[in-house]
Amino acid sequence: MRNVKIYISRNWLWIVAGLILTEVFVKMAYAERGYVAYGGEWLTLPLVLMLVEVSRRMGDVVRYLFGTEDGYGSDED
């Protein structure tokens, strides 16, 4: 349960943005179709959270790969 609280507190802004975008996309899809049906517009929140996580991981990878190259970023002199 503690991990869920930490995840929500760390990503609350992205969760709110994903929920708002989901509502917008659902209304757009329903208006375009002319009837209520469930489609990919409901994947907006999971995709937003996945993109945030992937971008954070890529930042970690870039810092790892280029942070210690040529002595930069290391404390050794």
PDB file of N, CA and C in Angstrom:
ATOM      1  N   MET A   1       0.816  -1.186   0.000  1.00  0.00           N
ATOM      2  CA  MET A   1       0.000   0.000   0.000  1.00  0.00           C
ATOM      3  C   MET A   1       0.863   1.254   0.000  1.00  0.00           C
ATOM      4  N   ARG A   2       1.988   1.196   0.684  1.00  0.00           N
ATOM      5  CA  ARG A   2       2.885   2.342   0.750  1.00  0.00           C
ATOM      6  C   ARG A   2       3.449   2.666  -0.629  1.00  0.00           C
ATOM      7  N   ASN A   3       3.744   1.638  -1.415  1.00  0.00           N
ATOM      8  CA  ASN A   3       4.267   1.868  -2.759  1.00  0.00           C
ATOM      9  C   ASN A   3       3.257   2.581  -3.645  1.00  0.00           C
ATOM     10  N   VAL A   4       1.992   2.268  -3.480  1.00  0.00           N
ATOM     11  CA  VAL A   4       0.937   2.931  -4.253  1.00  0.00           C
ATOM     12  C   VAL A   4       0.864   4.402  -3.877  1.00  0.00           C
ATOM     13  N   LYS A   5       0.954   4.696  -2.592  1.00  0.00           N
ATOM     14  CA  LYS A   5       0.923   6.085  -2.136  1.00  0.00           C
ATOM     15  C   LYS A   5       2.120   6.866  -2.677  1.00  0.00           C
ATOM     16  N   ILE A   6       3.275   6.257  -2.664  1.00  0.00           N
ATOM     17  CA  ILE A   6       4.476   6.913  -3.198  1.00  0.00           C
ATOM     18  C   ILE A   6       4.321   7.155  -4.691  1.00  0.00           C
ATOM     19  N   TYR A   7       3.803   6.168  -5.417  1.00  0.00           N
ATOM     20  CA  TYR A   7       3.616   6.309  -6.861  1.00  0.00           C
ATOM     21  C   TYR A   7       2.641   7.444  -7.173  1.00  0.00           C
ATOM     22  N   ILE A   8       1.542   7.494  -6.447  1.00  0.00           N
ATOM     23  CA  ILE A   8       0.545   8.544  -6.687  1.00  0.00           C
ATOM     24  C   ILE A   8       1.103   9.906  -6.323  1.00  0.00           C
ATOM     25  N   SER A   9       1.821  10.015  -5.220  1.00  0.00           N
ATOM     26  CA  SER A   9       2.370  11.312  -4.832  1.00  0.00           C
ATOM     27  C   SER A   9       3.448  11.780  -5.805  1.00  0.00           C
ATOM     28  N   ARG A  10       4.154  10.852  -6.416  1.00  0.00           N
ATOM     29  CA  ARG A  10       5.198  11.220  -7.376  1.00  0.00           C
ATOM     30  C   ARG A  10       4.611  11.585  -8.746  1.00  0.00           C
ATOM     31  N   ASN A  11       3.480  10.987  -9.098  1.00  0.00           N
ATOM     32  CA  ASN A  11       2.918  11.155 -10.438  1.00  0.00           C
ATOM     33  C   ASN A  11       1.550  11.821 -10.454  1.00  0.00           C
ATOM     34  N   TRP A  12       1.169  12.527  -9.407  1.00  0.00           N
ATOM     35  CA  TRP A  12      -0.183  13.076  -9.328  1.00  0.00           C
ATOM     36  C   TRP A  12      -0.485  14.019 -10.477  1.00  0.00           C
ATOM     37  N   LEU A  13       0.485  14.815 -10.888  1.00  0.00           N
ATOM     38  CA  LEU A  13       0.245  15.756 -11.983  1.00  0.00           C
ATOM     39  C   LEU A  13      -0.050  15.014 -13.287  1.00  0.00           C
ATOM     40  N   TRP A  14       0.703  13.948 -13.552  1.00  0.00           N
ATOM     41  CA  TRP A  14       0.501  13.184 -14.780  1.00  0.00           C
ATOM     42  C   TRP A  14      -0.802  12.406 -14.740  1.00  0.00           C
ATOM     43  N   ILE A  15      -1.217  11.953 -13.564  1.00  0.00           N
ATOM     44  CA  ILE A  15      -2.488  11.249 -13.436  1.00  0.00           C
ATOM     45  C   ILE A  15      -3.640  12.198 -13.728  1.00  0.00           C
ATOM     46  N   VAL A  16      -3.587  13.401 -13.160  1.00  0.00           N
ATOM     47  CA  VAL A  16      -4.642  14.388 -13.412  1.00  0.00           C
ATOM     48  C   VAL A  16      -4.680  14.766 -14.887  1.00  0.00           C
ATOM     49  N   ALA A  17      -3.508  14.996 -15.480  1.00  0.00           N
ATOM     50  CA  ALA A  17      -3.457  15.341 -16.909  1.00  0.00           C
ATOM     51  C   ALA A  17      -4.015  14.207 -17.759  1.00  0.00           C
ATOM     52  N   GLY A  18      -3.670  12.964 -17.429  1.00  0.00           N
ATOM     53  CA  GLY A  18      -4.184  11.819 -18.174  1.00  0.00           C
ATOM     54  C   GLY A  18      -5.687  11.670 -18.055  1.00  0.00           C
ATOM     55  N   LEU A  19      -6.240  11.932 -16.877  1.00  0.00           N
ATOM     56  CA  LEU A  19      -7.687  11.851 -16.688  1.00  0.00           C
ATOM     57  C   LEU A  19      -8.410  12.934 -17.490  1.00  0.00           C
ATOM     58  N   ILE A  20      -7.869  14.136 -17.477  1.00  0.00           N
ATOM     59  CA  ILE A  20      -8.478  15.225 -18.249  1.00  0.00           C
ATOM     60  C   ILE A  20      -8.412  14.925 -19.737  1.00  0.00           C
ATOM     61  N   LEU A  21      -7.247  14.466 -20.214  1.00  0.00           N
ATOM     62  CA  LEU A  21      -7.110  14.129 -21.631  1.00  0.00           C
ATOM     63  C   LEU A  21      -8.024  12.961 -22.019  1.00  0.00           C
ATOM     64  N   THR A  22      -8.183  12.001 -21.123  1.00  0.00           N
ATOM     65  CA  THR A  22      -9.091  10.883 -21.401  1.00  0.00           C
ATOM     66  C   THR A  22     -10.506  11.392 -21.607  1.00  0.00           C
ATOM     67  N   GLU A  23     -10.955  12.293 -20.740  1.00  0.00           N
ATOM     68  CA  GLU A  23     -12.303  12.840 -20.888  1.00  0.00           C
ATOM     69  C   GLU A  23     -12.459  13.565 -22.221  1.00  0.00           C
ATOM     70  N   VAL A  24     -11.460  14.354 -22.589  1.00  0.00           N
ATOM     71  CA  VAL A  24     -11.519  15.095 -23.856  1.00  0.00           C
ATOM     72  C   VAL A  24     -11.559  14.131 -25.038  1.00  0.00           C
ATOM     73  N   PHE A  25     -10.691  13.131 -25.021  1.00  0.00           N
ATOM     74  CA  PHE A  25     -10.624  12.185 -26.139  1.00  0.00           C
ATOM     75  C   PHE A  25     -11.870  11.316 -26.238  1.00  0.00           C
ATOM     76  N   VAL A  26     -12.456  10.953 -25.104  1.00  0.00           N
ATOM     77  CA  VAL A  26     -13.685  10.157 -25.119  1.00  0.00           C
ATOM     78  C   VAL A  26     -14.819  10.964 -25.741  1.00  0.00           C
ATOM     79  N   LYS A  27     -14.952  12.223 -25.340  1.00  0.00           N
ATOM     80  CA  LYS A  27     -16.002  13.066 -25.920  1.00  0.00           C
ATOM     81  C   LYS A  27     -15.790  13.262 -27.420  1.00  0.00           C
ATOM     82  N   MET A  28     -14.535  13.465 -27.833  1.00  0.00           N
ATOM     83  CA  MET A  28     -14.242  13.630 -29.262  1.00  0.00           C
ATOM     84  C   MET A  28     -14.578  12.356 -30.033  1.00  0.00           C
ATOM     85  N   ALA A  29     -14.197  11.202 -29.497  1.00  0.00           N
ATOM     86  CA  ALA A  29     -14.452   9.938 -30.196  1.00  0.00           C
ATOM     87  C   ALA A  29     -15.941   9.656 -30.291  1.00  0.00           C
ATOM     88  N   TYR A  30     -16.676   9.905 -29.223  1.00  0.00           N
ATOM     89  CA  TYR A  30     -18.117   9.671 -29.248  1.00  0.00           C
ATOM     90  C   TYR A  30     -18.797  10.615 -30.231  1.00  0.00           C
ATOM     91  N   ALA A  31     -18.356  11.873 -30.283  1.00  0.00           N
ATOM     92  CA  ALA A  31     -18.947  12.830 -31.222  1.00  0.00           C
ATOM     93  C   ALA A  31     -18.639  12.434 -32.664  1.00  0.00           C
ATOM     94  N   GLU A  32     -17.442  11.933 -32.904  1.00  0.00           N
ATOM     95  CA  GLU A  32     -17.060  11.531 -34.266  1.00  0.00           C
ATOM     96  C   GLU A  32     -17.825  10.294 -34.717  1.00  0.00           C
ATOM     97  N   ARG A  33     -17.985   9.334 -33.802  1.00  0.00           N
ATOM     98  CA  ARG A  33     -18.698   8.107 -34.157  1.00  0.00           C
ATOM     99  C   ARG A  33     -20.199   8.320 -34.256  1.00  0.00           C
ATOM    100  N   GLY A  34     -20.707   9.173 -33.391  1.00  0.00           N
ATOM    101  CA  GLY A  34     -22.142   9.386 -33.353  1.00  0.00           C
ATOM    102  C   GLY A  34     -22.865   8.420 -32.437  1.00  0.00           C
ATOM    103  N   TYR A  35     -22.132   7.576 -31.749  1.00  0.00           N
ATOM    104  CA  TYR A  35     -22.721   6.635 -30.796  1.00  0.00           C
ATOM    105  C   TYR A  35     -21.670   6.271 -29.761  1.00  0.00           C
ATOM    106  N   VAL A  36     -22.108   5.688 -28.675  1.00  0.00           N
ATOM    107  CA  VAL A  36     -21.197   5.322 -27.589  1.00  0.00           C
ATOM    108  C   VAL A  36     -20.579   3.957 -27.894  1.00  0.00           C
ATOM    109  N   ALA A  37     -19.275   3.933 -27.936  1.00  0.00           N
ATOM    110  CA  ALA A  37     -18.529   2.686 -28.100  1.00  0.00           C
ATOM    111  C   ALA A  37     -17.185   2.857 -27.400  1.00  0.00           C
ATOM    112  N   TYR A  38     -16.607   1.769 -26.984  1.00  0.00           N
ATOM    113  CA  TYR A  38     -15.342   1.826 -26.272  1.00  0.00           C
ATOM    114  C   TYR A  38     -14.209   1.512 -27.229  1.00  0.00           C
ATOM    115  N   GLY A  39     -13.193   2.388 -27.216  1.00  0.00           N
ATOM    116  CA  GLY A  39     -12.060   2.188 -28.105  1.00  0.00           C
ATOM    117  C   GLY A  39     -10.762   2.603 -27.439  1.00  0.00           C
ATOM    118  N   GLY A  40      -9.792   2.904 -28.237  1.00  0.00           N
ATOM    119  CA  GLY A  40      -8.460   3.237 -27.757  1.00  0.00           C
ATOM    120  C   GLY A  40      -8.373   4.523 -26.967  1.00  0.00           C
ATOM    121  N   GLU A  41      -9.407   5.352 -27.039  1.00  0.00           N
ATOM    122  CA  GLU A  41      -9.383   6.601 -26.272  1.00  0.00           C
ATOM    123  C   GLU A  41      -9.313   6.340 -24.767  1.00  0.00           C
ATOM    124  N   TRP A  42      -9.734   5.176 -24.339  1.00  0.00           N
ATOM    125  CA  TRP A  42      -9.680   4.834 -22.921  1.00  0.00           C
ATOM    126  C   TRP A  42      -8.277   4.448 -22.465  1.00  0.00           C
ATOM    127  N   LEU A  43      -7.341   4.328 -23.392  1.00  0.00           N
ATOM    128  CA  LEU A  43      -5.961   3.992 -23.039  1.00  0.00           C
ATOM    129  C   LEU A  43      -5.104   5.229 -22.807  1.00  0.00           C
ATOM    130  N   THR A  44      -5.714   6.409 -22.815  1.00  0.00           N
ATOM    131  CA  THR A  44      -4.951   7.646 -22.681  1.00  0.00           C
ATOM    132  C   THR A  44      -4.186   7.703 -21.365  1.00  0.00           C
ATOM    133  N   LEU A  45      -4.843   7.470 -20.246  1.00  0.00           N
ATOM    134  CA  LEU A  45      -4.158   7.536 -18.947  1.00  0.00           C
ATOM    135  C   LEU A  45      -3.020   6.520 -18.841  1.00  0.00           C
ATOM    136  N   PRO A  46      -3.237   5.248 -19.168  1.00  0.00           N
ATOM    137  CA  PRO A  46      -2.102   4.321 -19.099  1.00  0.00           C
ATOM    138  C   PRO A  46      -0.955   4.707 -20.032  1.00  0.00           C
ATOM    139  N   LEU A  47      -1.279   5.241 -21.206  1.00  0.00           N
ATOM    140  CA  LEU A  47      -0.215   5.642 -22.133  1.00  0.00           C
ATOM    141  C   LEU A  47       0.562   6.840 -21.614  1.00  0.00           C
ATOM    142  N   VAL A  48      -0.135   7.802 -21.010  1.00  0.00           N
ATOM    143  CA  VAL A  48       0.551   8.959 -20.423  1.00  0.00           C
ATOM    144  C   VAL A  48       1.508   8.494 -19.335  1.00  0.00           C
ATOM    145  N   LEU A  49       1.033   7.639 -18.445  1.00  0.00           N
ATOM    146  CA  LEU A  49       1.890   7.154 -17.355  1.00  0.00           C
ATOM    147  C   LEU A  49       3.052   6.316 -17.881  1.00  0.00           C
ATOM    148  N   MET A  50       2.816   5.548 -18.930  1.00  0.00           N
ATOM    149  CA  MET A  50       3.887   4.759 -19.517  1.00  0.00           C
ATOM    150  C   MET A  50       4.939   5.656 -20.160  1.00  0.00           C
ATOM    151  N   LEU A  51       4.510   6.697 -20.875  1.00  0.00           N
ATOM    152  CA  LEU A  51       5.457   7.617 -21.497  1.00  0.00           C
ATOM    153  C   LEU A  51       6.290   8.368 -20.460  1.00  0.00           C
ATOM    154  N   VAL A  52       5.684   8.746 -19.359  1.00  0.00           N
ATOM    155  CA  VAL A  52       6.423   9.416 -18.286  1.00  0.00           C
ATOM    156  C   VAL A  52       7.483   8.479 -17.723  1.00  0.00           C
ATOM    157  N   GLU A  53       7.106   7.251 -17.470  1.00  0.00           N
ATOM    158  CA  GLU A  53       8.052   6.278 -16.912  1.00  0.00           C
ATOM    159  C   GLU A  53       9.193   5.985 -17.886  1.00  0.00           C
ATOM    160  N   VAL A  54       8.873   5.834 -19.168  1.00  0.00           N
ATOM    161  CA  VAL A  54       9.907   5.571 -20.175  1.00  0.00           C
ATOM    162  C   VAL A  54      10.859   6.760 -20.287  1.00  0.00           C
ATOM    163  N   SER A  55      10.320   7.976 -20.259  1.00  0.00           N
ATOM    164  CA  SER A  55      11.192   9.152 -20.364  1.00  0.00           C
ATOM    165  C   SER A  55      12.092   9.278 -19.141  1.00  0.00           C
ATOM    166  N   ARG A  56      11.583   8.959 -17.969  1.00  0.00           N
ATOM    167  CA  ARG A  56      12.436   8.983 -16.767  1.00  0.00           C
ATOM    168  C   ARG A  56      13.541   7.944 -16.868  1.00  0.00           C
ATOM    169  N   ARG A  57      13.195   6.752 -17.324  1.00  0.00           N
ATOM    170  CA  ARG A  57      14.205   5.687 -17.459  1.00  0.00           C
ATOM    171  C   ARG A  57      15.259   6.052 -18.504  1.00  0.00           C
ATOM    172  N   MET A  58      14.819   6.658 -19.600  1.00  0.00           N
ATOM    173  CA  MET A  58      15.780   7.065 -20.641  1.00  0.00           C
ATOM    174  C   MET A  58      16.717   8.137 -20.103  1.00  0.00           C
ATOM    175  N   GLY A  59      16.193   9.049 -19.291  1.00  0.00           N
ATOM    176  CA  GLY A  59      17.051  10.049 -18.655  1.00  0.00           C
ATOM    177  C   GLY A  59      18.093   9.398 -17.766  1.00  0.00           C
ATOM    178  N   ASP A  60      17.691   8.367 -17.023  1.00  0.00           N
ATOM    179  CA  ASP A  60      18.638   7.634 -16.185  1.00  0.00           C
ATOM    180  C   ASP A  60      19.713   6.956 -17.032  1.00  0.00           C
ATOM    181  N   VAL A  61      19.306   6.377 -18.152  1.00  0.00           N
ATOM    182  CA  VAL A  61      20.256   5.698 -19.035  1.00  0.00           C
ATOM    183  C   VAL A  61      21.248   6.689 -19.617  1.00  0.00           C
ATOM    184  N   VAL A  62      20.754   7.832 -20.069  1.00  0.00           N
ATOM    185  CA  VAL A  62      21.637   8.850 -20.649  1.00  0.00           C
ATOM    186  C   VAL A  62      22.609   9.364 -19.595  1.00  0.00           C
ATOM    187  N   ARG A  63      22.125   9.628 -18.383  1.00  0.00           N
ATOM    188  CA  ARG A  63      23.023  10.074 -17.310  1.00  0.00           C
ATOM    189  C   ARG A  63      24.051   9.006 -16.985  1.00  0.00           C
ATOM    190  N   TYR A  64      23.655   7.747 -17.003  1.00  0.00           N
ATOM    191  CA  TYR A  64      24.589   6.658 -16.727  1.00  0.00           C
ATOM    192  C   TYR A  64      25.644   6.539 -17.825  1.00  0.00           C
ATOM    193  N   LEU A  65      25.193   6.611 -19.079  1.00  0.00           N
ATOM    194  CA  LEU A  65      26.129   6.427 -20.186  1.00  0.00           C
ATOM    195  C   LEU A  65      27.089   7.592 -20.352  1.00  0.00           C
ATOM    196  N   PHE A  66      26.607   8.809 -20.176  1.00  0.00           N
ATOM    197  CA  PHE A  66      27.432   9.970 -20.471  1.00  0.00           C
ATOM    198  C   PHE A  66      27.876  10.741 -19.235  1.00  0.00           C
ATOM    199  N   GLY A  67      27.431  10.359 -18.079  1.00  0.00           N
ATOM    200  CA  GLY A  67      27.760  11.088 -16.862  1.00  0.00           C
ATOM    201  C   GLY A  67      29.175  10.900 -16.393  1.00  0.00           C
ATOM    202  N   THR A  68      29.791   9.756 -16.645  1.00  0.00           N
ATOM    203  CA  THR A  68      31.143   9.499 -16.149  1.00  0.00           C
ATOM    204  C   THR A  68      32.163   9.423 -17.277  1.00  0.00           C
ATOM    205  N   GLU A  69      31.771   9.729 -18.487  1.00  0.00           N
ATOM    206  CA  GLU A  69      32.683   9.651 -19.622  1.00  0.00           C
ATOM    207  C   GLU A  69      33.760  10.728 -19.509  1.00  0.00           C
ATOM    208  N   ASP A  70      35.001  10.392 -19.778  1.00  0.00           N
ATOM    209  CA  ASP A  70      36.154  11.293 -19.745  1.00  0.00           C
ATOM    210  C   ASP A  70      36.348  11.937 -18.375  1.00  0.00           C
ATOM    211  N   GLY A  71      35.920  11.262 -17.334  1.00  0.00           N
ATOM    212  CA  GLY A  71      36.138  11.783 -15.997  1.00  0.00           C
ATOM    213  C   GLY A  71      35.106  12.794 -15.537  1.00  0.00           C
ATOM    214  N   TYR A  72      34.231  13.228 -16.422  1.00  0.00           N
ATOM    215  CA  TYR A  72      33.208  14.190 -16.018  1.00  0.00           C
ATOM    216  C   TYR A  72      32.189  13.479 -15.150  1.00  0.00           C
ATOM    217  N   GLY A  73      31.792  14.125 -14.091  1.00  0.00           N
ATOM    218  CA  GLY A  73      30.776  13.559 -13.223  1.00  0.00           C
ATOM    219  C   GLY A  73      31.336  12.652 -12.157  1.00  0.00           C
ATOM    220  N   SER A  74      32.628  12.360 -12.191  1.00  0.00           N
ATOM    221  CA  SER A  74      33.206  11.528 -11.144  1.00  0.00           C
ATOM    222  C   SER A  74      33.935  12.419 -10.145  1.00  0.00           C
ATOM    223  N   ASP A  75      34.076  11.948  -8.931  1.00  0.00           N
ATOM    224  CA  ASP A  75      34.723  12.736  -7.873  1.00  0.00           C
ATOM    225  C   ASP A  75      36.227  12.493  -7.837  1.00  0.00           C
ATOM    226  N   GLU A  76      36.724  11.613  -8.654  1.00  0.00           N
ATOM    227  CA  GLU A  76      38.150  11.299  -8.651  1.00  0.00           C
ATOM    228  C   GLU A  76      38.917  12.356  -9.419  1.00  0.00           C
ATOM    229  N   ASP A  77      40.060  12.751  -8.884  1.00  0.00           N
ATOM    230  CA  ASP A  77      40.939  13.731  -9.579  1.00  0.00           C
ATOM    231  C   ASP A  77      42.265  13.122  -9.911  1.00  0.00           C
TER     232      ASP A  77
END
